[in-house]
């Protein structure tokens, strides 16, 4: 292990001894301990800022212990603290003490998505007239691909992560939430504020397919599972909330 990696390991793990690369005078141990505590406290606070709903659900002590172990195993890859924690949801999913809360990892993913939407690039200006022209042409619609904005994320979970997130915002009473109920939503930022738009299963399935195939194929695939689905309201929602960033016709990408 390189000297830098040994130093980083000792910095993030309080059980590690003073790095041998330091000049072993009596004051070094104390100074390094202070520095280590400050770094760990900063990283722990960064995780708490990114995942406040998770922290609220598990309590400060549990979250502090869980984040402490994550810090030891996942050093930051960027000097920007706001970017720290991208692998935290996966860590939660593998963290045995959190197994009693099976929805916690998905909730953390939603919180991370919310932050990414907040800091994503500004919405792309959509040529609505050109898109409308294609939508009235059956031959071109069959080749139409729709691409979501950089500041949009689809949430699909087997757990009630949307409702759990809303309880933290004071929008719902947690006593009314069944955490084991599947939920779907769309995170968008049409202006300066992130919006959470709840979706039914069919609409979420349709939006997910739009990222994989042309519109007509996405619709056909959705109708196989949801025969009563009609796309008009979902497409209207996407357009009204500026969730569609670009579009193109397959075969014309070049």
Protein backbone atom coordinates (compact mmCIF):
# COMPACT_ATOMS: atom_id res chain seq x y z
CA UNK A 1 0.00 0.00 0.00
CA UNK A 2 1.37 3.43 -0.96
CA UNK A 3 2.25 6.09 1.60
CA UNK A 4 -0.69 8.24 0.47
CA UNK A 5 -3.15 5.36 0.90
CA UNK A 6 -1.75 4.53 4.32
CA UNK A 7 -2.10 8.15 5.35
CA UNK A 8 -5.71 8.29 4.06
CA UNK A 9 -6.58 5.02 5.81
CA UNK A 10 -5.22 6.33 9.10
CA UNK A 11 -6.97 9.65 8.58
CA UNK A 12 -10.43 8.10 8.15
CA UNK A 13 -10.14 5.22 10.62
CA UNK A 14 -9.67 6.24 14.28
CA UNK A 15 -8.42 2.73 15.10
CA UNK A 16 -5.35 3.18 12.89
CA UNK A 17 -2.04 4.27 14.36
CA UNK A 18 -0.19 7.47 13.50
CA UNK A 19 1.22 7.16 9.95
CA UNK A 20 4.91 6.30 9.97
CA UNK A 21 5.46 8.96 7.30
CA UNK A 22 5.00 11.64 9.96
CA UNK A 23 7.91 12.87 12.02
CA UNK A 24 7.29 11.05 15.34
CA UNK A 25 7.65 13.92 17.78
CA UNK A 26 5.34 14.06 20.84
CA UNK A 27 2.97 16.68 19.39
CA UNK A 28 2.27 14.92 16.11
CA UNK A 29 -0.12 12.35 17.54
CA UNK A 30 -2.31 15.03 19.11
CA UNK A 31 -2.26 17.27 16.03
CA UNK A 32 -3.09 14.37 13.73
CA UNK A 33 -5.94 13.27 16.03
CA UNK A 34 -7.45 16.77 15.89
CA UNK A 35 -7.09 16.85 12.11
CA UNK A 36 -8.64 13.38 11.80
CA UNK A 37 -11.59 14.34 13.99
CA UNK A 38 -12.21 17.48 11.92
CA UNK A 39 -12.10 15.55 8.64
CA UNK A 40 -14.43 12.83 9.87
CA UNK A 41 -16.81 15.40 11.35
CA UNK A 42 -16.91 17.28 8.03
CA UNK A 43 -17.60 14.11 6.03
CA UNK A 44 -20.23 12.96 8.52
CA UNK A 45 -21.97 16.33 8.31
CA UNK A 46 -21.84 16.19 4.51
CA UNK A 47 -23.66 12.84 4.60
CA UNK A 48 -26.23 14.19 7.05
CA UNK A 49 -26.84 17.18 4.77
CA UNK A 50 -27.35 14.95 1.73
CA UNK A 51 -29.47 12.30 3.45
CA UNK A 52 -31.53 14.17 6.10
CA UNK A 53 -34.61 11.97 5.74
CA UNK A 54 -32.58 8.80 6.28
CA UNK A 55 -31.00 10.39 9.34
CA UNK A 56 -34.39 11.35 10.71
CA UNK A 57 -35.78 7.84 10.23
CA UNK A 58 -32.92 5.95 11.89
CA UNK A 59 -31.97 8.55 14.50
CA UNK A 60 -28.75 10.47 15.03
CA UNK A 61 -26.82 7.71 16.81
CA UNK A 62 -27.56 5.00 14.24
CA UNK A 63 -26.84 7.35 11.34
CA UNK A 64 -23.57 8.51 12.92
CA UNK A 65 -22.40 4.92 13.40
CA UNK A 66 -23.42 3.91 9.87
CA UNK A 67 -21.86 6.96 8.24
CA UNK A 68 -18.69 6.46 10.30
CA UNK A 69 -18.19 2.99 8.81
CA UNK A 70 -18.92 4.33 5.34
CA UNK A 71 -16.29 7.04 5.79
CA UNK A 72 -13.68 4.45 6.76
CA UNK A 73 -14.34 2.37 3.63
CA UNK A 74 -15.16 5.13 1.10
CA UNK A 75 -12.76 8.09 1.11
CA UNK A 76 -13.91 11.12 -0.88
CA UNK A 77 -12.95 11.20 -4.57
CA UNK A 78 -13.66 14.92 -4.96
CA UNK A 79 -12.62 17.97 -2.90
CA UNK A 80 -16.26 19.12 -3.06
CA UNK A 81 -18.08 17.89 0.04
CA UNK A 82 -21.44 18.26 -1.74
CA UNK A 83 -20.40 15.37 -4.00
CA UNK A 84 -19.54 13.02 -1.15
CA UNK A 85 -21.84 10.05 -0.61
CA UNK A 86 -22.62 8.86 -4.14
CA UNK A 87 -22.08 5.24 -3.04
CA UNK A 88 -23.80 5.64 0.34
CA UNK A 89 -27.13 4.07 -0.82
CA UNK A 90 -25.31 0.92 -1.96
CA UNK A 91 -23.44 0.84 1.34
CA UNK A 92 -26.76 1.05 3.22
CA UNK A 93 -28.11 -1.86 1.16
CA UNK A 94 -25.18 -4.02 2.34
CA UNK A 95 -25.18 -2.74 5.93
CA UNK A 96 -26.57 -5.61 8.00
CA UNK A 97 -28.01 -3.52 10.88
CA UNK A 98 -30.12 -1.59 8.32
CA UNK A 99 -31.76 -4.77 7.02
CA UNK A 100 -34.75 -4.16 9.32
CA UNK A 101 -35.46 -1.06 7.21
CA UNK A 102 -35.42 -2.52 3.67
CA UNK A 103 -36.59 0.77 2.17
CA UNK A 104 -33.69 2.83 3.58
CA UNK A 105 -31.32 2.30 0.63
CA UNK A 106 -33.97 3.32 -1.92
CA UNK A 107 -34.83 6.35 0.17
CA UNK A 108 -31.15 7.33 0.16
CA UNK A 109 -31.10 6.93 -3.64
CA UNK A 110 -34.07 9.27 -3.89
CA UNK A 111 -32.37 11.86 -1.69
CA UNK A 112 -29.27 11.63 -3.86
CA UNK A 113 -31.41 12.01 -7.00
CA UNK A 114 -33.07 15.08 -5.48
CA UNK A 115 -29.66 16.67 -4.88
CA UNK A 116 -28.46 15.79 -8.39
CA UNK A 117 -31.57 17.35 -9.91
CA UNK A 118 -31.04 20.48 -7.82
CA UNK A 119 -27.47 20.89 -9.08
CA UNK A 120 -27.98 19.67 -12.65
CA UNK A 121 -27.53 21.89 -15.70
CA UNK A 122 -30.25 24.37 -16.58
CA UNK A 123 -33.23 22.93 -18.50
CA UNK A 124 -32.71 22.68 -22.26
CA UNK A 125 -35.08 24.86 -24.29
CA UNK A 126 -37.38 22.47 -26.14
CA UNK A 127 -38.64 23.25 -29.66
CA UNK A 128 -42.28 22.54 -28.84
CA UNK A 129 -43.55 23.45 -32.33
CA UNK A 130 -41.17 21.03 -34.03
CA UNK A 131 -42.09 18.29 -31.59
CA UNK A 132 -45.79 18.96 -32.11
CA UNK A 133 -45.33 18.60 -35.84
CA UNK A 134 -43.77 15.16 -35.42
CA UNK A 135 -46.51 14.03 -33.03
CA UNK A 136 -49.13 14.65 -35.72
CA UNK A 137 -47.23 12.55 -38.27
CA UNK A 138 -47.74 8.79 -37.68
CA UNK A 139 -44.73 7.87 -39.83
CA UNK A 140 -42.32 10.08 -37.89
CA UNK A 141 -43.84 9.29 -34.49
CA UNK A 142 -42.78 5.68 -34.98
CA UNK A 143 -39.15 6.88 -35.03
CA UNK A 144 -39.44 9.55 -32.32
CA UNK A 145 -37.13 9.34 -29.32
CA UNK A 146 -37.70 11.60 -26.31
CA UNK A 147 -34.86 12.42 -23.91
CA UNK A 148 -35.45 13.71 -20.39
CA UNK A 149 -33.82 16.87 -19.12
CA UNK A 150 -30.53 16.61 -17.20
CA UNK A 151 -32.53 18.04 -14.27
CA UNK A 152 -35.09 15.21 -14.25
CA UNK A 153 -35.00 11.82 -12.55
CA UNK A 154 -37.52 8.98 -12.52
CA UNK A 155 -38.10 7.36 -9.12
CA UNK A 156 -39.36 3.76 -9.05
CA UNK A 157 -39.22 1.75 -5.85
CA UNK A 158 -40.93 -1.28 -4.30
CA UNK A 159 -41.17 0.86 -1.16
CA UNK A 160 -43.04 4.04 -0.22
CA UNK A 161 -39.97 6.27 -0.49
CA UNK A 162 -42.01 9.14 -1.91
CA UNK A 163 -44.37 9.22 1.07
CA UNK A 164 -41.49 8.77 3.52
CA UNK A 165 -39.73 11.75 1.93
CA UNK A 166 -42.95 13.78 2.15
CA UNK A 167 -43.28 13.07 5.88
CA UNK A 168 -39.93 14.78 6.38
CA UNK A 169 -41.27 17.84 4.54
CA UNK A 170 -44.32 17.95 6.84
CA UNK A 171 -46.65 17.00 3.99
CA UNK A 172 -47.78 13.65 5.45
CA UNK A 173 -48.20 12.00 8.83
CA UNK A 174 -45.79 9.07 9.03
CA UNK A 175 -48.44 7.08 10.90
CA UNK A 176 -50.46 6.96 7.66
CA UNK A 177 -47.57 5.61 5.54
CA UNK A 178 -47.18 1.93 4.65
CA UNK A 179 -43.45 1.77 3.85
CA UNK A 180 -43.83 -1.53 1.98
CA UNK A 181 -46.12 -0.07 -0.70
CA UNK A 182 -44.48 0.50 -4.13
CA UNK A 183 -44.31 4.14 -5.24
CA UNK A 184 -43.18 6.09 -8.28
CA UNK A 185 -42.46 9.75 -8.94
CA UNK A 186 -40.65 12.18 -11.20
CA UNK A 187 -38.18 14.72 -9.88
CA UNK A 188 -37.95 17.79 -12.12
CA UNK A 189 -36.61 21.32 -11.92
CA UNK A 190 -38.47 23.38 -14.53
CA UNK A 191 -37.34 26.64 -12.89
CA UNK A 192 -35.26 27.06 -9.73
CA UNK A 193 -37.14 24.68 -7.43
CA UNK A 194 -37.13 20.88 -7.47
CA UNK A 195 -40.62 19.43 -7.84
CA UNK A 196 -41.72 15.94 -6.83
CA UNK A 197 -44.50 14.66 -9.08
CA UNK A 198 -46.16 11.41 -8.03
CA UNK A 199 -46.89 8.90 -10.79
CA UNK A 200 -48.94 5.75 -11.14
CA UNK A 201 -47.20 2.52 -12.14
CA UNK A 202 -48.23 2.73 -15.80
CA UNK A 203 -46.94 6.28 -16.27
CA UNK A 204 -43.65 5.45 -14.58
CA UNK A 205 -43.25 2.36 -16.74
CA UNK A 206 -43.95 4.41 -19.88
CA UNK A 207 -41.41 7.11 -18.95
CA UNK A 208 -38.80 4.46 -18.19
CA UNK A 209 -39.36 2.87 -21.61
CA UNK A 210 -39.00 6.24 -23.33
CA UNK A 211 -35.35 6.27 -22.31
CA UNK A 212 -34.84 2.92 -24.04
CA UNK A 213 -36.85 3.00 -27.27
CA UNK A 214 -38.96 5.16 -29.62
CA UNK A 215 -42.27 6.51 -28.37
CA UNK A 216 -44.54 4.05 -30.18
CA UNK A 217 -42.52 1.06 -29.00
CA UNK A 218 -42.51 2.42 -25.45
CA UNK A 219 -46.29 2.74 -25.65
CA UNK A 220 -46.71 -0.79 -27.03
CA UNK A 221 -44.51 -2.21 -24.27
CA UNK A 222 -46.47 -0.30 -21.62
CA UNK A 223 -49.83 -1.47 -22.98
CA UNK A 224 -48.74 -5.09 -22.67
CA UNK A 225 -48.60 -4.64 -18.89
CA UNK A 226 -51.16 -1.86 -18.48
CA UNK A 227 -53.86 -2.32 -21.16
CA UNK A 228 -55.88 0.70 -19.96
CA UNK A 229 -52.96 3.12 -20.15
CA UNK A 230 -53.40 6.25 -22.27
CA UNK A 231 -50.24 8.30 -22.91
CA UNK A 232 -51.81 11.73 -23.36
CA UNK A 233 -51.84 12.79 -19.71
CA UNK A 234 -48.30 11.54 -19.12
CA UNK A 235 -46.92 13.30 -22.18
CA UNK A 236 -48.78 16.47 -21.20
CA UNK A 237 -47.23 16.31 -17.72
CA UNK A 238 -43.74 15.89 -19.18
CA UNK A 239 -44.24 18.87 -21.48
CA UNK A 240 -45.87 21.13 -18.91
CA UNK A 241 -43.12 20.50 -16.36
CA UNK A 242 -40.36 20.87 -18.97
CA UNK A 243 -39.15 17.36 -18.26
CA UNK A 244 -38.36 16.61 -21.93
CA UNK A 245 -35.04 18.11 -22.95
CA UNK A 246 -34.44 16.94 -26.50
CA UNK A 247 -35.87 14.66 -29.16
CA UNK A 248 -34.72 13.09 -32.37
CA UNK A 249 -35.84 10.60 -34.99
CA UNK A 250 -34.06 7.24 -34.99
CA UNK A 251 -31.88 7.00 -38.05
CA UNK A 252 -31.19 10.74 -37.96
CA UNK A 253 -28.79 10.76 -34.97
CA UNK A 254 -25.79 11.57 -37.15
